[in-house]
Amino acid sequence: MKYAVFFLALAAPVHAETPLSGDAFEALVTGKTLTFSVGGDPYGVEYYAPGRRVIWSFVNGDCQSGAWYEKPTDAGPQICFVYENNEEEQCWQVFEEAGSIRAEFMNVPGTTVLYQAIEAEPLVCGGVGA
């Protein structure tokens, strides 16, 4: 499943911040379930398990298991995800901002996806909690 087709793309602003490394991202999210939104509208929920494993769900409750890893680039570290039934990596630069997360989608140069993330209730997939 290509997630890029669902994202709200905006012109990329210039940021002087440093994106989170894999270790910093891991420390921030492991054991948490985060809710993501685009433009204030709920988009999906992701549970971050130990061992850099994830379970993603769009708001409809269909879940996909996956994993994430750090990918070094000249522009700074990216956090990349691969999910079951889709081996195409989805890469982001992730920034911590005032208790939330902003993630900029890196697969499509020149576009930005802004997410605000908050800790959520446990993830439910097809009626089963994660």
N, C-alpha and C. Protein backbone atom coordinates (compact mmCIF):
# COMPACT_ATOMS: atom_id res chain seq x y z
N MET A 1 0.85 -1.16 0.00
CA MET A 1 0.00 0.00 0.00
C MET A 1 0.89 1.23 0.00
N LYS A 2 0.69 2.15 -0.91
CA LYS A 2 1.48 3.37 -0.96
C LYS A 2 0.74 4.43 -0.16
N TYR A 3 1.37 4.87 0.92
CA TYR A 3 0.75 5.87 1.77
C TYR A 3 0.87 7.27 1.19
N ALA A 4 1.83 7.47 0.32
CA ALA A 4 2.07 8.79 -0.22
C ALA A 4 0.85 9.36 -0.94
N VAL A 5 0.04 8.54 -1.54
CA VAL A 5 -1.10 9.03 -2.30
C VAL A 5 -2.18 9.62 -1.41
N PHE A 6 -2.12 9.35 -0.12
CA PHE A 6 -3.14 9.84 0.80
C PHE A 6 -2.72 11.11 1.51
N PHE A 7 -1.50 11.57 1.34
CA PHE A 7 -0.97 12.64 2.14
C PHE A 7 -1.31 14.01 1.57
N LEU A 8 -1.45 14.96 2.47
CA LEU A 8 -1.63 16.35 2.11
C LEU A 8 -0.24 16.93 1.86
N ALA A 9 0.06 17.30 0.65
CA ALA A 9 1.38 17.80 0.32
C ALA A 9 1.37 19.32 0.28
N LEU A 10 2.36 19.92 0.91
CA LEU A 10 2.51 21.37 0.95
C LEU A 10 3.93 21.71 0.49
N ALA A 11 4.13 22.94 0.08
CA ALA A 11 5.48 23.34 -0.30
C ALA A 11 6.41 23.16 0.90
N ALA A 12 7.59 22.65 0.65
CA ALA A 12 8.52 22.34 1.73
C ALA A 12 9.14 23.61 2.31
N PRO A 13 8.95 23.86 3.61
CA PRO A 13 9.59 25.00 4.23
C PRO A 13 11.05 24.67 4.55
N VAL A 14 11.84 25.70 4.75
CA VAL A 14 13.22 25.49 5.12
C VAL A 14 13.28 25.38 6.64
N HIS A 15 13.86 24.29 7.15
CA HIS A 15 13.97 24.07 8.58
C HIS A 15 15.43 23.99 8.96
N ALA A 16 15.78 24.68 10.03
CA ALA A 16 17.16 24.64 10.51
C ALA A 16 17.33 23.57 11.58
N GLU A 17 16.26 22.90 11.93
CA GLU A 17 16.31 21.88 12.97
C GLU A 17 17.06 20.65 12.49
N THR A 18 17.45 19.86 13.47
CA THR A 18 18.10 18.59 13.17
C THR A 18 17.06 17.48 13.32
N PRO A 19 16.89 16.64 12.30
CA PRO A 19 15.94 15.54 12.44
C PRO A 19 16.42 14.55 13.49
N LEU A 20 15.46 13.85 14.10
CA LEU A 20 15.79 12.85 15.11
C LEU A 20 16.57 11.69 14.50
N SER A 21 17.54 11.20 15.25
CA SER A 21 18.25 9.98 14.87
C SER A 21 17.36 8.79 15.18
N GLY A 22 17.74 7.63 14.70
CA GLY A 22 16.98 6.41 15.01
C GLY A 22 16.93 6.15 16.50
N ASP A 23 18.06 6.35 17.20
CA ASP A 23 18.09 6.11 18.64
C ASP A 23 17.18 7.08 19.39
N ALA A 24 17.21 8.37 18.99
CA ALA A 24 16.36 9.37 19.64
C ALA A 24 14.88 9.07 19.37
N PHE A 25 14.56 8.71 18.12
CA PHE A 25 13.18 8.37 17.77
C PHE A 25 12.72 7.15 18.57
N GLU A 26 13.58 6.14 18.64
CA GLU A 26 13.25 4.93 19.38
C GLU A 26 12.96 5.23 20.85
N ALA A 27 13.78 6.06 21.47
CA ALA A 27 13.58 6.43 22.88
C ALA A 27 12.27 7.19 23.07
N LEU A 28 11.88 7.96 22.09
CA LEU A 28 10.67 8.79 22.18
C LEU A 28 9.39 7.98 22.00
N VAL A 29 9.40 6.96 21.13
CA VAL A 29 8.14 6.30 20.76
C VAL A 29 7.95 4.87 21.24
N THR A 30 9.01 4.15 21.61
CA THR A 30 8.87 2.73 21.95
C THR A 30 7.89 2.54 23.10
N GLY A 31 6.95 1.61 22.88
CA GLY A 31 5.93 1.29 23.87
C GLY A 31 4.73 2.21 23.83
N LYS A 32 4.70 3.14 22.90
CA LYS A 32 3.60 4.10 22.82
C LYS A 32 2.75 3.84 21.59
N THR A 33 1.52 4.28 21.68
CA THR A 33 0.60 4.32 20.55
C THR A 33 0.35 5.79 20.26
N LEU A 34 0.62 6.21 19.02
CA LEU A 34 0.47 7.61 18.65
C LEU A 34 -0.62 7.76 17.61
N THR A 35 -1.38 8.84 17.74
CA THR A 35 -2.40 9.19 16.76
C THR A 35 -1.85 10.31 15.90
N PHE A 36 -1.98 10.15 14.59
CA PHE A 36 -1.47 11.14 13.65
C PHE A 36 -2.63 11.84 12.96
N SER A 37 -2.43 13.12 12.66
CA SER A 37 -3.46 13.86 11.94
C SER A 37 -2.80 14.70 10.85
N VAL A 38 -3.59 15.04 9.85
CA VAL A 38 -3.18 15.91 8.76
C VAL A 38 -4.18 17.06 8.75
N GLY A 39 -3.68 18.26 8.89
CA GLY A 39 -4.57 19.42 8.89
C GLY A 39 -5.61 19.37 9.99
N GLY A 40 -5.30 18.72 11.11
CA GLY A 40 -6.22 18.62 12.23
C GLY A 40 -7.19 17.46 12.15
N ASP A 41 -7.22 16.76 11.03
CA ASP A 41 -8.12 15.62 10.87
C ASP A 41 -7.38 14.32 11.17
N PRO A 42 -7.97 13.42 11.99
CA PRO A 42 -7.32 12.15 12.28
C PRO A 42 -6.99 11.39 10.99
N TYR A 43 -5.80 10.80 10.97
CA TYR A 43 -5.34 10.08 9.79
C TYR A 43 -5.09 8.61 10.07
N GLY A 44 -4.45 8.33 11.21
CA GLY A 44 -4.15 6.95 11.56
C GLY A 44 -3.50 6.85 12.93
N VAL A 45 -3.27 5.60 13.33
CA VAL A 45 -2.71 5.31 14.64
C VAL A 45 -1.59 4.29 14.45
N GLU A 46 -0.50 4.46 15.20
CA GLU A 46 0.59 3.50 15.09
C GLU A 46 1.12 3.16 16.48
N TYR A 47 1.30 1.85 16.69
CA TYR A 47 1.90 1.34 17.91
C TYR A 47 3.36 1.01 17.63
N TYR A 48 4.25 1.49 18.51
CA TYR A 48 5.69 1.29 18.37
C TYR A 48 6.14 0.26 19.39
N ALA A 49 6.37 -0.96 18.94
CA ALA A 49 6.77 -2.06 19.80
C ALA A 49 8.30 -2.05 19.96
N PRO A 50 8.79 -2.76 20.98
CA PRO A 50 10.24 -2.93 21.10
C PRO A 50 10.80 -3.62 19.85
N GLY A 51 12.10 -3.44 19.62
CA GLY A 51 12.74 -4.07 18.48
C GLY A 51 12.44 -3.37 17.16
N ARG A 52 11.99 -2.11 17.24
CA ARG A 52 11.69 -1.30 16.05
C ARG A 52 10.60 -1.93 15.17
N ARG A 53 9.64 -2.58 15.81
CA ARG A 53 8.47 -3.14 15.13
C ARG A 53 7.30 -2.18 15.31
N VAL A 54 6.39 -2.15 14.34
CA VAL A 54 5.23 -1.26 14.40
C VAL A 54 3.97 -1.97 13.94
N ILE A 55 2.85 -1.43 14.36
CA ILE A 55 1.54 -1.81 13.81
C ILE A 55 0.85 -0.50 13.46
N TRP A 56 0.53 -0.34 12.18
CA TRP A 56 -0.11 0.88 11.67
C TRP A 56 -1.58 0.59 11.37
N SER A 57 -2.42 1.56 11.66
CA SER A 57 -3.83 1.47 11.28
C SER A 57 -4.30 2.82 10.79
N PHE A 58 -4.92 2.83 9.61
CA PHE A 58 -5.66 4.02 9.21
C PHE A 58 -6.86 4.11 10.14
N VAL A 59 -7.60 5.21 10.11
CA VAL A 59 -8.72 5.38 11.02
C VAL A 59 -9.81 4.33 10.82
N ASN A 60 -9.79 3.60 9.71
CA ASN A 60 -10.81 2.57 9.48
C ASN A 60 -10.56 1.29 10.27
N GLY A 61 -9.40 1.16 10.94
CA GLY A 61 -9.12 0.00 11.78
C GLY A 61 -8.40 -1.15 11.09
N ASP A 62 -8.10 -1.02 9.78
CA ASP A 62 -7.32 -2.06 9.10
C ASP A 62 -5.86 -1.90 9.47
N CYS A 63 -5.26 -2.94 10.03
CA CYS A 63 -3.89 -2.85 10.54
C CYS A 63 -2.88 -3.53 9.64
N GLN A 64 -1.66 -3.02 9.67
CA GLN A 64 -0.53 -3.58 8.95
C GLN A 64 0.66 -3.63 9.91
N SER A 65 1.30 -4.79 10.01
CA SER A 65 2.52 -4.91 10.80
C SER A 65 3.70 -4.47 9.95
N GLY A 66 4.72 -3.97 10.61
CA GLY A 66 5.89 -3.54 9.89
C GLY A 66 7.08 -3.34 10.81
N ALA A 67 8.08 -2.71 10.26
CA ALA A 67 9.30 -2.40 11.00
C ALA A 67 9.81 -1.05 10.52
N TRP A 68 10.64 -0.43 11.34
CA TRP A 68 11.27 0.82 10.93
C TRP A 68 12.77 0.74 11.17
N TYR A 69 13.51 1.61 10.49
CA TYR A 69 14.95 1.66 10.62
C TYR A 69 15.42 3.07 10.29
N GLU A 70 16.62 3.40 10.74
CA GLU A 70 17.22 4.69 10.41
C GLU A 70 17.98 4.56 9.09
N LYS A 71 17.82 5.57 8.23
CA LYS A 71 18.55 5.63 6.96
C LYS A 71 19.34 6.94 6.93
N PRO A 72 20.67 6.84 7.03
CA PRO A 72 21.48 8.06 6.97
C PRO A 72 21.42 8.67 5.56
N THR A 73 21.32 9.98 5.49
CA THR A 73 21.37 10.69 4.21
C THR A 73 22.18 11.96 4.41
N ASP A 74 22.57 12.60 3.31
CA ASP A 74 23.30 13.86 3.39
C ASP A 74 22.47 14.96 4.05
N ALA A 75 21.14 14.86 3.95
CA ALA A 75 20.23 15.85 4.53
C ALA A 75 19.90 15.54 5.99
N GLY A 76 20.48 14.50 6.54
CA GLY A 76 20.19 14.12 7.92
C GLY A 76 19.49 12.78 7.96
N PRO A 77 19.37 12.21 9.17
CA PRO A 77 18.76 10.89 9.28
C PRO A 77 17.29 10.89 8.89
N GLN A 78 16.89 9.79 8.29
CA GLN A 78 15.48 9.55 7.98
C GLN A 78 15.04 8.31 8.73
N ILE A 79 13.78 8.28 9.10
CA ILE A 79 13.17 7.11 9.72
C ILE A 79 12.31 6.47 8.63
N CYS A 80 12.66 5.24 8.25
CA CYS A 80 11.97 4.56 7.15
C CYS A 80 11.17 3.38 7.67
N PHE A 81 10.01 3.17 7.10
CA PHE A 81 9.10 2.10 7.48
C PHE A 81 8.85 1.18 6.30
N VAL A 82 8.74 -0.11 6.55
CA VAL A 82 8.25 -1.09 5.58
C VAL A 82 7.16 -1.88 6.28
N TYR A 83 6.12 -2.21 5.53
CA TYR A 83 4.95 -2.89 6.09
C TYR A 83 4.69 -4.19 5.34
N GLU A 84 3.99 -5.11 6.01
CA GLU A 84 3.62 -6.37 5.36
C GLU A 84 2.88 -6.05 4.07
N ASN A 85 3.06 -6.86 3.09
CA ASN A 85 2.42 -6.70 1.78
C ASN A 85 2.86 -5.44 1.03
N ASN A 86 3.90 -4.76 1.54
CA ASN A 86 4.44 -3.60 0.83
C ASN A 86 5.88 -3.39 1.27
N GLU A 87 6.78 -3.83 0.45
CA GLU A 87 8.20 -3.72 0.79
C GLU A 87 8.79 -2.35 0.44
N GLU A 88 8.00 -1.48 -0.20
CA GLU A 88 8.51 -0.15 -0.55
C GLU A 88 8.65 0.69 0.71
N GLU A 89 9.85 1.19 0.96
CA GLU A 89 10.06 1.97 2.17
C GLU A 89 9.35 3.32 2.10
N GLN A 90 8.85 3.75 3.24
CA GLN A 90 8.22 5.05 3.41
C GLN A 90 9.12 5.82 4.37
N CYS A 91 9.83 6.83 3.89
CA CYS A 91 10.84 7.50 4.71
C CYS A 91 10.41 8.91 5.11
N TRP A 92 10.78 9.26 6.33
CA TRP A 92 10.40 10.53 6.95
C TRP A 92 11.59 11.15 7.64
N GLN A 93 11.63 12.47 7.69
CA GLN A 93 12.48 13.14 8.65
C GLN A 93 11.55 13.54 9.78
N VAL A 94 11.96 13.19 11.00
CA VAL A 94 11.09 13.36 12.16
C VAL A 94 11.71 14.40 13.10
N PHE A 95 10.85 15.30 13.58
CA PHE A 95 11.27 16.37 14.47
C PHE A 95 10.38 16.36 15.71
N GLU A 96 10.97 16.60 16.86
CA GLU A 96 10.18 16.73 18.09
C GLU A 96 9.92 18.21 18.29
N GLU A 97 8.64 18.55 18.51
CA GLU A 97 8.22 19.94 18.68
C GLU A 97 7.23 20.05 19.81
N ALA A 98 7.61 20.69 20.87
CA ALA A 98 6.69 21.02 21.97
C ALA A 98 5.81 19.84 22.37
N GLY A 99 6.42 18.68 22.58
CA GLY A 99 5.67 17.52 23.04
C GLY A 99 4.95 16.75 21.96
N SER A 100 5.14 17.11 20.72
CA SER A 100 4.52 16.36 19.62
C SER A 100 5.59 16.04 18.59
N ILE A 101 5.17 15.36 17.54
CA ILE A 101 6.09 14.96 16.48
C ILE A 101 5.62 15.57 15.17
N ARG A 102 6.57 16.11 14.42
CA ARG A 102 6.31 16.54 13.05
C ARG A 102 7.13 15.63 12.16
N ALA A 103 6.51 15.03 11.18
CA ALA A 103 7.21 14.14 10.27
C ALA A 103 7.04 14.64 8.85
N GLU A 104 8.15 14.79 8.14
CA GLU A 104 8.13 15.27 6.77
C GLU A 104 8.44 14.11 5.83
N PHE A 105 7.52 13.83 4.92
CA PHE A 105 7.64 12.71 4.01
C PHE A 105 8.74 12.97 3.01
N MET A 106 9.70 12.04 2.90
CA MET A 106 10.89 12.25 2.09
C MET A 106 10.86 11.49 0.76
N ASN A 107 9.89 10.63 0.53
CA ASN A 107 9.85 9.85 -0.71
C ASN A 107 9.57 10.71 -1.94
N VAL A 108 8.90 11.83 -1.75
CA VAL A 108 8.58 12.71 -2.87
C VAL A 108 9.29 14.04 -2.62
N PRO A 109 10.41 14.26 -3.32
CA PRO A 109 11.17 15.49 -3.09
C PRO A 109 10.32 16.74 -3.31
N GLY A 110 10.54 17.74 -2.44
CA GLY A 110 9.84 19.01 -2.60
C GLY A 110 8.46 19.05 -1.99
N THR A 111 8.04 18.00 -1.33
CA THR A 111 6.73 18.03 -0.65
C THR A 111 6.95 17.80 0.83
N THR A 112 6.00 18.24 1.61
CA THR A 112 6.07 18.08 3.05
C THR A 112 4.74 17.58 3.56
N VAL A 113 4.78 16.67 4.47
CA VAL A 113 3.57 16.22 5.15
C VAL A 113 3.75 16.56 6.61
N LEU A 114 2.84 17.27 7.17
CA LEU A 114 2.95 17.64 8.57
C LEU A 114 2.00 16.79 9.41
N TYR A 115 2.54 16.16 10.41
CA TYR A 115 1.74 15.37 11.35
C TYR A 115 1.96 15.93 12.74
N GLN A 116 0.94 15.95 13.49
CA GLN A 116 1.07 16.18 14.92
C GLN A 116 0.66 14.88 15.57
N ALA A 117 1.44 14.42 16.49
CA ALA A 117 1.16 13.12 17.11
C ALA A 117 0.95 13.29 18.60
N ILE A 118 -0.01 12.56 19.12
CA ILE A 118 -0.25 12.54 20.56
C ILE A 118 -0.38 11.10 20.99
N GLU A 119 -0.03 10.83 22.24
CA GLU A 119 -0.18 9.47 22.73
C GLU A 119 -1.67 9.15 22.81
N ALA A 120 -2.01 7.96 22.37
CA ALA A 120 -3.41 7.56 22.25
C ALA A 120 -3.70 6.34 23.10
N GLU A 121 -4.95 5.94 23.05
CA GLU A 121 -5.37 4.69 23.68
C GLU A 121 -4.72 3.53 22.94
N PRO A 122 -4.71 2.33 23.52
CA PRO A 122 -4.15 1.18 22.81
C PRO A 122 -4.78 0.99 21.43
N LEU A 123 -3.98 0.56 20.51
CA LEU A 123 -4.42 0.33 19.13
C LEU A 123 -5.32 -0.89 19.08
N VAL A 124 -6.42 -0.80 18.34
CA VAL A 124 -7.33 -1.92 18.16
C VAL A 124 -7.37 -2.27 16.68
N CYS A 125 -7.06 -3.54 16.38
CA CYS A 125 -7.06 -4.02 15.01
C CYS A 125 -8.12 -5.10 14.88
N GLY A 126 -9.12 -4.86 14.10
CA GLY A 126 -10.17 -5.87 13.90
C GLY A 126 -10.75 -6.39 15.20
N GLY A 127 -10.85 -5.49 16.20
CA GLY A 127 -11.42 -5.87 17.49
C GLY A 127 -10.41 -6.43 18.48
N VAL A 128 -9.13 -6.54 18.08
CA VAL A 128 -8.10 -7.07 18.97
C VAL A 128 -7.09 -5.97 19.26
N GLY A 129 -6.82 -5.71 20.54
CA GLY A 129 -5.88 -4.67 20.93
C GLY A 129 -4.45 -5.07 20.67
N ALA A 130 -3.62 -4.06 20.40
CA ALA A 130 -2.19 -4.28 20.17
C ALA A 130 -1.39 -3.75 21.35
